[in-house]
C-alpha atoms as a PDB file:
ATOM      1  CA  SER A   1      -0.883 -78.355  93.850  1.00  0.00           C
ATOM      2  CA  GLU A   2      -1.100 -78.235  97.613  1.00  0.00           C
ATOM      3  CA  PHE A   3       1.321 -76.782 100.192  1.00  0.00           C
ATOM      4  CA  ARG A   4       0.614 -76.524 103.941  1.00  0.00           C
ATOM      5  CA  GLY A   5      -3.144 -76.684 103.374  1.00  0.00           C
ATOM      6  CA  GLU A   6      -3.223 -74.068 100.608  1.00  0.00           C
ATOM      7  CA  PHE A   7      -4.021 -74.997  97.084  1.00  0.00           C
ATOM      8  CA  MET A   8      -3.206 -73.675  93.614  1.00  0.00           C
ATOM      9  CA  LEU A   9      -4.782 -74.640  90.326  1.00  0.00           C
ATOM     10  CA  ASP A  10      -4.086 -73.326  86.850  1.00  0.00           C
ATOM     11  CA  ASN A  11      -5.353 -73.792  83.356  1.00  0.00           C
ATOM     12  CA  PRO A  12      -4.538 -71.997  80.099  1.00  0.00           C
ATOM     13  CA  THR A  13      -6.817 -69.082  81.108  1.00  0.00           C
ATOM     14  CA  PHE A  14      -6.393 -68.587  84.886  1.00  0.00           C
ATOM     15  CA  LYS A  15      -4.200 -69.359  87.869  1.00  0.00           C
ATOM     16  CA  MET A  16      -5.688 -69.261  91.325  1.00  0.00           C
ATOM     17  CA  ALA A  17      -4.413 -69.930  94.854  1.00  0.00           C
ATOM     18  CA  VAL A  18      -6.658 -70.367  97.908  1.00  0.00           C
ATOM     19  CA  ASN A  19      -5.928 -70.303 101.580  1.00  0.00           C
ATOM     20  CA  ARG A  20      -6.953 -72.892 104.183  1.00  0.00           C
ATOM     21  CA  GLU A  21     -10.369 -71.351 104.406  1.00  0.00           C
ATOM     22  CA  GLY A  22     -10.949 -71.687 100.645  1.00  0.00           C
ATOM     23  CA  LYS A  23     -10.690 -67.980  99.987  1.00  0.00           C
ATOM     24  CA  ALA A  24      -8.857 -67.045  96.786  1.00  0.00           C
ATOM     25  CA  TYR A  25      -5.935 -64.683  97.497  1.00  0.00           C
ATOM     26  CA  LEU A  26      -4.357 -64.953  94.068  1.00  0.00           C
ATOM     27  CA  LEU A  27      -6.122 -65.019  90.700  1.00  0.00           C
ATOM     28  CA  PHE A  28      -4.348 -64.199  87.458  1.00  0.00           C
ATOM     29  CA  ASP A  29      -5.964 -63.857  84.034  1.00  0.00           C
ATOM     30  CA  ARG A  30      -3.247 -65.621  82.036  1.00  0.00           C
ATOM     31  CA  VAL A  31      -4.624 -64.506  78.758  1.00  0.00           C
ATOM     32  CA  LYS A  32      -4.854 -60.737  79.494  1.00  0.00           C
ATOM     33  CA  ASP A  33      -1.849 -60.766  81.874  1.00  0.00           C
ATOM     34  CA  PRO A  34       0.602 -63.440  80.758  1.00  0.00           C
ATOM     35  CA  LEU A  35       3.242 -62.104  83.144  1.00  0.00           C
ATOM     36  CA  GLU A  36       0.836 -62.565  86.067  1.00  0.00           C
ATOM     37  CA  SER A  37       1.565 -59.054  87.359  1.00  0.00           C
ATOM     38  CA  HIS A  38      -2.018 -58.019  88.278  1.00  0.00           C
ATOM     39  CA  ASN A  39      -3.851 -60.022  90.980  1.00  0.00           C
ATOM     40  CA  VAL A  40      -7.602 -59.908  90.218  1.00  0.00           C
ATOM     41  CA  ALA A  41      -8.776 -62.063  93.141  1.00  0.00           C
ATOM     42  CA  GLY A  42     -11.860 -60.578  94.812  1.00  0.00           C
ATOM     43  CA  LEU A  43     -12.759 -58.275  91.888  1.00  0.00           C
ATOM     44  CA  ALA A  44     -16.415 -58.395  90.988  1.00  0.00           C
ATOM     45  CA  GLN A  45     -15.834 -58.768  87.268  1.00  0.00           C
ATOM     46  CA  TYR A  46     -13.894 -61.972  87.894  1.00  0.00           C
ATOM     47  CA  LYS A  47     -16.292 -63.561  90.431  1.00  0.00           C
ATOM     48  CA  ALA A  48     -17.692 -66.109  87.958  1.00  0.00           C
ATOM     49  CA  ASP A  49     -14.208 -67.173  86.902  1.00  0.00           C
ATOM     50  CA  GLU A  50     -13.061 -67.419  90.488  1.00  0.00           C
ATOM     51  CA  ASP A  51     -16.093 -69.533  91.333  1.00  0.00           C
ATOM     52  CA  ALA A  52     -15.485 -71.829  88.378  1.00  0.00           C
ATOM     53  CA  MET A  53     -11.860 -72.316  89.352  1.00  0.00           C
ATOM     54  CA  ARG A  54     -12.859 -72.995  92.966  1.00  0.00           C
ATOM     55  CA  THR A  55     -15.378 -75.580  91.818  1.00  0.00           C
ATOM     56  CA  ARG A  56     -12.717 -77.213  89.581  1.00  0.00           C
ATOM     57  CA  MET A  57     -10.244 -77.169  92.445  1.00  0.00           C
ATOM     58  CA  LEU A  58     -12.674 -78.909  94.768  1.00  0.00           C
ATOM     59  CA  GLU A  59     -13.392 -81.527  92.148  1.00  0.00           C
ATOM     60  CA  ARG A  60      -9.679 -82.244  91.797  1.00  0.00           C
ATOM     61  CA  ILE A  61      -9.211 -82.486  95.535  1.00  0.00           C
ATOM     62  CA  SER A  62     -12.068 -84.872  95.902  1.00  0.00           C
ATOM     63  CA  GLN A  63     -10.820 -87.017  92.997  1.00  0.00           C
ATOM     64  CA  SER A  64      -7.364 -87.305  94.541  1.00  0.00           C
ATOM     65  CA  LEU A  65      -8.827 -88.193  98.005  1.00  0.00           C
ATOM     66  CA  LEU A  66     -10.861 -90.930  96.442  1.00  0.00           C
ATOM     67  CA  LYS A  67      -7.710 -92.493  94.859  1.00  0.00           C
ATOM     68  CA  GLN A  68      -5.993 -92.845  98.242  1.00  0.00           C
ATOM     69  CA  PRO A  69      -5.975 -96.374  99.707  1.00  0.00           C
END
């Protein structure tokens, strides 16, 4: 989803929100933390997961832009 230039993407494992600059400010491990009470954005042990989510988000954004007339 997108709101005012910020984006959020989720899947069964993670939920991530990024600001207008593309920096993750929210990342939740939905498996280990189903209540989403511990923000792990920026933690070294989640860097690969954060990068993978960011890549998927960019793919989704580019797909949606290609569909516009």
